Amino acid sequence: MSAVPTAVPSAAAFKVPGFWGRALRHRSFTIGAVLSLLLVAAAAVSLVWTPWSPYELDLASKLQKPSWAHWLGTDTFGRDVASLLLVGARASILVGVIAVGIGLTVGTALGLLAAARRGWVEEAIMRLTDFTMAFPAILSAIMMTAVFGAGIVNAIVAIGIYNIPTFARITRASANAIWSREYVAAARACGKGAFAITMQHVLPNISAVLIVQITIRFAVAILAEAALSYLGLGTQPPQPSWGRMLSEAQTMMFQAPLLAVFPGMAIALAVLGLNLLGDGLRDLLDPRLARAR
């Protein structure tokens, strides 16, 4: 008897189906996801381990170059730069999560209310968001600092308030498009109220837009936190911050330029990763772009 040939599976058989299959083939999403996971991993690792203590000063070891003992060297106070970067990632994520959470919660609620009620309610909410957008995060933080003092809490509140108009406008525009659909008209004809339609039909259908916006605003929050810390209005000593590391390094640009390079690269890679992730999610969650891929 001759042996029955065994069928060799094709390469297509090993492809991951559905969303994750398309995601793994999307270059922007993959690169952004890797960079974003590295940011989260750095913050998670710093909770349990750092090469050196980021809070202890060692003036005898200041301005050392990268070595096996200090992978990225030491700063003007003798602190290990690698440890400062790891712990600084925690501050960036903390500010991003809470500030974006404030903007998402309040802004989405206002946008949904404006789309559901229309009329003077919509007009009042939109004019309120216009007024809020006139005060950028840094300007709001400066005003809050003058009243309540500098600190990470005031920075988070300022950045969160700055995010509210963006989420409100995007939610309102997306929700208005859903309210004009036939299935929403059918739901209203069946006697469903505005709240039920909003929760059952409108919010689920705009969630993809909100998810993409979350990643983009997260990147903006990291930049804003770094800028506020650079100005001395954000994270306060002794808590490490990428922005304050840049501020402390500016006086040593000629003696130790790497002190500014490392936190600058950390900020750039974190923002780049989140923007690429948002760009990839936009392509993957848009039905028209998904079919094209």
Protein backbone atom coordinates (compact mmCIF):
# COMPACT_ATOMS: atom_id res chain seq x y z
CA MET A 1 0.00 0.00 0.00
CA SER A 2 1.24 3.45 -0.80
CA ALA A 3 1.38 5.96 1.98
CA VAL A 4 -1.38 8.53 2.00
CA PRO A 5 0.20 11.96 1.66
CA THR A 6 -0.43 14.24 4.62
CA ALA A 7 -1.85 17.62 3.80
CA VAL A 8 0.50 20.45 4.72
CA PRO A 9 -1.38 23.38 6.24
CA SER A 10 -0.97 26.60 4.34
CA ALA A 11 0.43 29.78 5.86
CA ALA A 12 -3.07 31.26 5.91
CA ALA A 13 -4.15 28.54 8.35
CA PHE A 14 -1.81 29.96 10.99
CA LYS A 15 -3.13 33.49 10.72
CA VAL A 16 -4.97 34.81 13.76
CA PRO A 17 -8.57 35.49 12.70
CA GLY A 18 -10.69 38.54 13.38
CA PHE A 19 -9.63 41.76 15.08
CA TRP A 20 -6.33 40.50 16.49
CA GLY A 21 -5.33 39.05 13.13
CA ARG A 22 -5.75 42.46 11.51
CA ALA A 23 -4.10 44.16 14.49
CA LEU A 24 -0.96 42.05 14.23
CA ARG A 25 -0.67 42.98 10.56
CA HIS A 26 -1.15 46.70 11.27
CA ARG A 27 2.29 48.28 11.65
CA SER A 28 1.23 51.43 13.51
CA PHE A 29 -0.87 49.48 15.99
CA THR A 30 1.88 46.93 16.64
CA ILE A 31 4.62 49.50 17.20
CA GLY A 32 2.34 51.68 19.33
CA ALA A 33 1.20 48.71 21.42
CA VAL A 34 4.81 47.63 22.05
CA LEU A 35 5.90 51.13 23.11
CA SER A 36 2.82 51.58 25.31
CA LEU A 37 3.37 48.18 26.96
CA LEU A 38 6.99 49.17 27.65
CA LEU A 39 5.74 52.31 29.41
CA VAL A 40 3.34 50.27 31.55
CA ALA A 41 6.01 47.64 32.21
CA ALA A 42 8.49 50.29 33.37
CA ALA A 43 5.96 51.69 35.83
CA ALA A 44 5.00 48.20 37.05
CA VAL A 45 8.62 47.12 37.55
CA SER A 46 9.38 50.28 39.52
CA LEU A 47 6.72 49.30 42.07
CA VAL A 48 8.78 46.30 43.17
CA TRP A 49 12.34 46.95 42.01
CA THR A 50 14.72 49.69 40.88
CA PRO A 51 18.49 49.40 40.37
CA TRP A 52 19.06 52.06 43.04
CA SER A 53 16.88 54.12 45.33
CA PRO A 54 15.59 57.15 43.40
CA TYR A 55 15.30 59.18 46.60
CA GLU A 56 18.74 58.79 48.20
CA LEU A 57 21.37 61.41 47.41
CA ASP A 58 25.02 60.46 46.86
CA LEU A 59 26.98 63.59 46.00
CA ALA A 60 30.23 61.61 45.85
CA SER A 61 28.83 59.74 42.82
CA LYS A 62 27.30 62.67 40.96
CA LEU A 63 27.52 63.04 37.16
CA GLN A 64 28.90 59.58 36.56
CA LYS A 65 28.80 58.26 32.99
CA PRO A 66 26.83 55.10 32.08
CA SER A 67 28.45 52.00 33.53
CA TRP A 68 27.60 48.52 34.81
CA ALA A 69 26.86 50.03 38.21
CA HIS A 70 24.72 52.87 36.86
CA TRP A 71 23.31 51.87 33.47
CA LEU A 72 22.41 55.43 32.42
CA GLY A 73 24.76 57.29 34.76
CA THR A 74 23.90 59.56 37.68
CA ASP A 75 22.51 63.09 37.93
CA THR A 76 23.79 66.19 39.74
CA PHE A 77 22.69 64.74 43.10
CA GLY A 78 24.21 61.30 42.54
CA ARG A 79 20.87 59.60 41.91
CA ASP A 80 20.68 56.74 39.43
CA VAL A 81 19.12 58.01 36.18
CA ALA A 82 17.67 54.62 35.22
CA SER A 83 15.86 54.41 38.56
CA LEU A 84 14.52 57.94 38.13
CA LEU A 85 13.17 57.09 34.68
CA LEU A 86 11.44 53.94 35.93
CA VAL A 87 9.74 55.71 38.83
CA GLY A 88 8.98 58.75 36.65
CA ALA A 89 6.88 56.50 34.41
CA ARG A 90 4.52 55.99 37.36
CA ALA A 91 3.85 59.72 37.61
CA SER A 92 3.16 59.97 33.88
CA ILE A 93 0.70 57.07 33.95
CA LEU A 94 -0.98 58.30 37.14
CA VAL A 95 -1.57 61.75 35.71
CA GLY A 96 -2.69 60.33 32.36
CA VAL A 97 -5.17 57.85 33.82
CA ILE A 98 -6.84 60.25 36.26
CA ALA A 99 -6.81 63.32 34.00
CA VAL A 100 -8.16 61.42 31.00
CA GLY A 101 -10.68 59.72 33.30
CA ILE A 102 -11.97 63.13 34.41
CA GLY A 103 -12.24 64.36 30.85
CA LEU A 104 -13.85 61.12 29.64
CA THR A 105 -16.44 60.91 32.41
CA VAL A 106 -17.55 64.53 32.49
CA GLY A 107 -17.05 65.30 28.81
CA THR A 108 -18.87 62.19 27.58
CA ALA A 109 -21.81 62.85 29.91
CA LEU A 110 -22.09 66.45 28.68
CA GLY A 111 -21.82 65.42 25.04
CA LEU A 112 -24.49 62.73 25.40
CA LEU A 113 -26.79 65.18 27.20
CA ALA A 114 -26.30 67.80 24.49
CA ALA A 115 -27.12 65.30 21.73
CA ALA A 116 -30.15 63.90 23.54
CA ARG A 117 -31.79 67.17 24.60
CA ARG A 118 -30.74 69.49 21.75
CA GLY A 119 -32.12 73.06 21.78
CA TRP A 120 -30.92 75.47 24.44
CA VAL A 121 -29.36 72.65 26.49
CA GLU A 122 -27.04 71.73 23.63
CA GLU A 123 -26.23 75.37 22.97
CA ALA A 124 -25.41 76.05 26.63
CA ILE A 125 -23.14 73.00 26.92
CA MET A 126 -21.27 73.84 23.71
CA ARG A 127 -20.71 77.45 24.74
CA LEU A 128 -19.46 76.24 28.12
CA THR A 129 -16.94 73.97 26.40
CA ASP A 130 -15.84 76.89 24.21
CA PHE A 131 -15.19 78.93 27.34
CA THR A 132 -13.25 76.08 28.97
CA MET A 133 -11.06 75.59 25.88
CA ALA A 134 -9.89 79.19 26.25
CA PHE A 135 -7.86 78.11 29.27
CA PRO A 136 -5.11 75.60 28.31
CA ALA A 137 -3.86 73.09 30.86
CA ILE A 138 -0.69 75.03 31.65
CA LEU A 139 -2.56 78.32 32.13
CA SER A 140 -5.15 76.58 34.32
CA ALA A 141 -2.39 74.99 36.40
CA ILE A 142 -0.70 78.37 36.87
CA MET A 143 -3.96 79.89 38.12
CA MET A 144 -4.62 76.93 40.43
CA THR A 145 -1.05 77.06 41.71
CA ALA A 146 -1.44 80.73 42.59
CA VAL A 147 -4.47 79.86 44.71
CA PHE A 148 -3.78 76.36 46.09
CA GLY A 149 -0.03 75.91 45.61
CA ALA A 150 2.01 73.68 43.28
CA GLY A 151 1.46 69.92 43.29
CA ILE A 152 0.54 66.91 41.23
CA VAL A 153 -3.11 67.03 42.35
CA ASN A 154 -3.59 70.52 40.94
CA ALA A 155 -1.83 69.46 37.74
CA ILE A 156 -4.15 66.47 37.36
CA VAL A 157 -7.25 68.63 37.90
CA ALA A 158 -6.02 71.24 35.40
CA ILE A 159 -5.26 68.64 32.72
CA GLY A 160 -8.56 66.86 33.43
CA ILE A 161 -10.56 70.07 33.00
CA TYR A 162 -8.67 70.74 29.77
CA ASN A 163 -9.75 67.32 28.44
CA ILE A 164 -13.46 67.84 29.13
CA PRO A 165 -14.27 70.05 26.10
CA THR A 166 -12.54 67.67 23.69
CA PHE A 167 -14.52 64.65 24.85
CA ALA A 168 -17.74 66.68 24.99
CA ARG A 169 -17.40 67.90 21.41
CA ILE A 170 -16.43 64.50 19.98
CA THR A 171 -19.21 62.74 21.89
CA ARG A 172 -21.83 65.26 20.83
CA ALA A 173 -20.85 65.09 17.14
CA SER A 174 -20.75 61.29 17.10
CA ALA A 175 -23.98 60.97 19.10
CA ASN A 176 -25.84 63.35 16.78
CA ALA A 177 -24.98 61.07 13.86
CA ILE A 178 -26.39 58.06 15.75
CA TRP A 179 -29.58 59.90 16.73
CA SER A 180 -30.39 60.37 13.02
CA ARG A 181 -30.28 56.62 12.28
CA GLU A 182 -33.39 54.59 11.46
CA TYR A 183 -33.03 52.14 14.35
CA VAL A 184 -33.03 55.03 16.82
CA ALA A 185 -36.23 56.36 15.23
CA ALA A 186 -37.70 52.88 15.55
CA ALA A 187 -36.71 52.74 19.23
CA ARG A 188 -38.40 56.10 19.84
CA ALA A 189 -41.51 54.86 18.06
CA CYS A 190 -41.59 51.89 20.43
CA GLY A 191 -41.76 54.27 23.38
CA LYS A 192 -38.17 54.23 24.60
CA GLY A 193 -37.02 57.36 26.40
CA ALA A 194 -33.94 59.45 25.67
CA PHE A 195 -31.93 57.91 28.51
CA ALA A 196 -32.66 54.33 27.43
CA ILE A 197 -31.81 55.09 23.80
CA THR A 198 -28.59 56.82 24.86
CA MET A 199 -27.41 53.89 26.96
CA GLN A 200 -28.59 51.07 24.66
CA HIS A 201 -27.94 52.49 21.20
CA VAL A 202 -25.93 55.71 21.21
CA LEU A 203 -23.14 55.03 23.71
CA PRO A 204 -22.25 51.52 22.42
CA ASN A 205 -22.02 52.83 18.85
CA ILE A 206 -19.66 55.70 19.70
CA SER A 207 -17.43 53.69 22.05
CA ALA A 208 -14.87 53.04 19.29
CA VAL A 209 -14.44 56.78 18.73
CA LEU A 210 -13.99 57.34 22.46
CA ILE A 211 -11.42 54.55 22.78
CA VAL A 212 -9.28 56.11 20.05
CA GLN A 213 -9.59 59.54 21.67
CA ILE A 214 -8.54 58.13 25.05
CA THR A 215 -5.15 57.04 23.68
CA ILE A 216 -4.60 60.42 22.01
CA ARG A 217 -5.54 62.44 25.11
CA PHE A 218 -3.37 60.14 27.24
CA ALA A 219 -0.37 61.21 25.14
CA VAL A 220 -1.37 64.87 25.51
CA ALA A 221 -1.67 64.40 29.29
CA ILE A 222 1.86 62.98 29.49
CA LEU A 223 3.18 65.98 27.57
CA ALA A 224 1.23 68.41 29.75
CA GLU A 225 2.47 66.75 32.96
CA ALA A 226 6.07 66.94 31.72
CA ALA A 227 5.63 70.61 30.83
CA LEU A 228 4.07 71.46 34.20
CA SER A 229 6.78 69.57 36.08
CA TYR A 230 9.42 71.33 33.99
CA LEU A 231 7.96 74.65 35.16
CA GLY A 232 7.82 73.44 38.76
CA LEU A 233 4.01 73.27 38.84
CA GLY A 234 3.52 69.50 38.57
CA THR A 235 5.13 66.61 40.45
CA GLN A 236 7.09 67.94 43.40
CA PRO A 237 10.38 66.66 44.91
CA PRO A 238 11.37 64.11 45.99
CA GLN A 239 8.99 62.24 43.63
CA PRO A 240 10.78 61.70 40.30
CA SER A 241 9.27 63.16 37.13
CA TRP A 242 10.49 63.18 33.55
CA GLY A 243 9.67 66.87 33.18
CA ARG A 244 11.57 67.87 36.30
CA MET A 245 14.53 65.72 35.19
CA LEU A 246 14.65 67.87 32.04
CA SER A 247 14.46 71.02 34.14
CA GLU A 248 17.33 69.91 36.37
CA ALA A 249 19.42 68.86 33.35
CA GLN A 250 19.22 72.19 31.54
CA THR A 251 21.96 73.71 33.70
CA MET A 252 24.30 70.80 32.88
CA MET A 253 23.82 70.65 29.12
CA PHE A 254 27.53 71.02 28.35
CA GLN A 255 28.91 68.99 31.26
CA ALA A 256 26.41 66.08 31.04
CA PRO A 257 24.14 66.31 27.97
CA LEU A 258 22.85 62.75 28.49
CA LEU A 259 20.90 63.94 31.53
CA ALA A 260 18.52 65.70 29.13
CA VAL A 261 18.63 63.04 26.41
CA PHE A 262 17.27 60.14 28.47
CA PRO A 263 14.11 61.78 29.91
CA GLY A 264 13.51 63.51 26.58
CA MET A 265 13.64 60.15 24.80
CA ALA A 266 11.32 58.63 27.39
CA ILE A 267 8.70 61.35 26.83
CA ALA A 268 9.07 61.16 23.04
CA LEU A 269 8.74 57.36 22.91
CA ALA A 270 5.75 57.32 25.28
CA VAL A 271 3.90 59.97 23.27
CA LEU A 272 4.86 58.34 19.97
CA GLY A 273 3.65 54.95 21.16
CA LEU A 274 0.28 56.25 22.31
CA ASN A 275 -0.26 58.24 19.13
CA LEU A 276 0.61 55.25 16.95
CA LEU A 277 -1.68 53.08 19.08
CA GLY A 278 -4.52 55.54 18.62
CA ASP A 279 -3.88 55.75 14.89
CA GLY A 280 -3.93 51.96 14.63
CA LEU A 281 -7.10 51.64 16.69
CA ARG A 282 -8.81 54.21 14.49
CA ASP A 283 -8.04 52.12 11.41
CA LEU A 284 -9.00 48.83 13.05
CA LEU A 285 -12.23 50.02 14.65
CA ASP A 286 -13.51 51.91 11.61
CA PRO A 287 -15.64 49.38 9.66
CA ARG A 288 -14.80 50.94 6.29
CA LEU A 289 -11.03 50.88 6.93
CA ALA A 290 -11.28 47.41 8.46
CA ARG A 291 -12.87 46.04 5.28
CA ALA A 292 -10.14 47.68 3.21
CA ARG A 293 -7.54 45.74 5.18
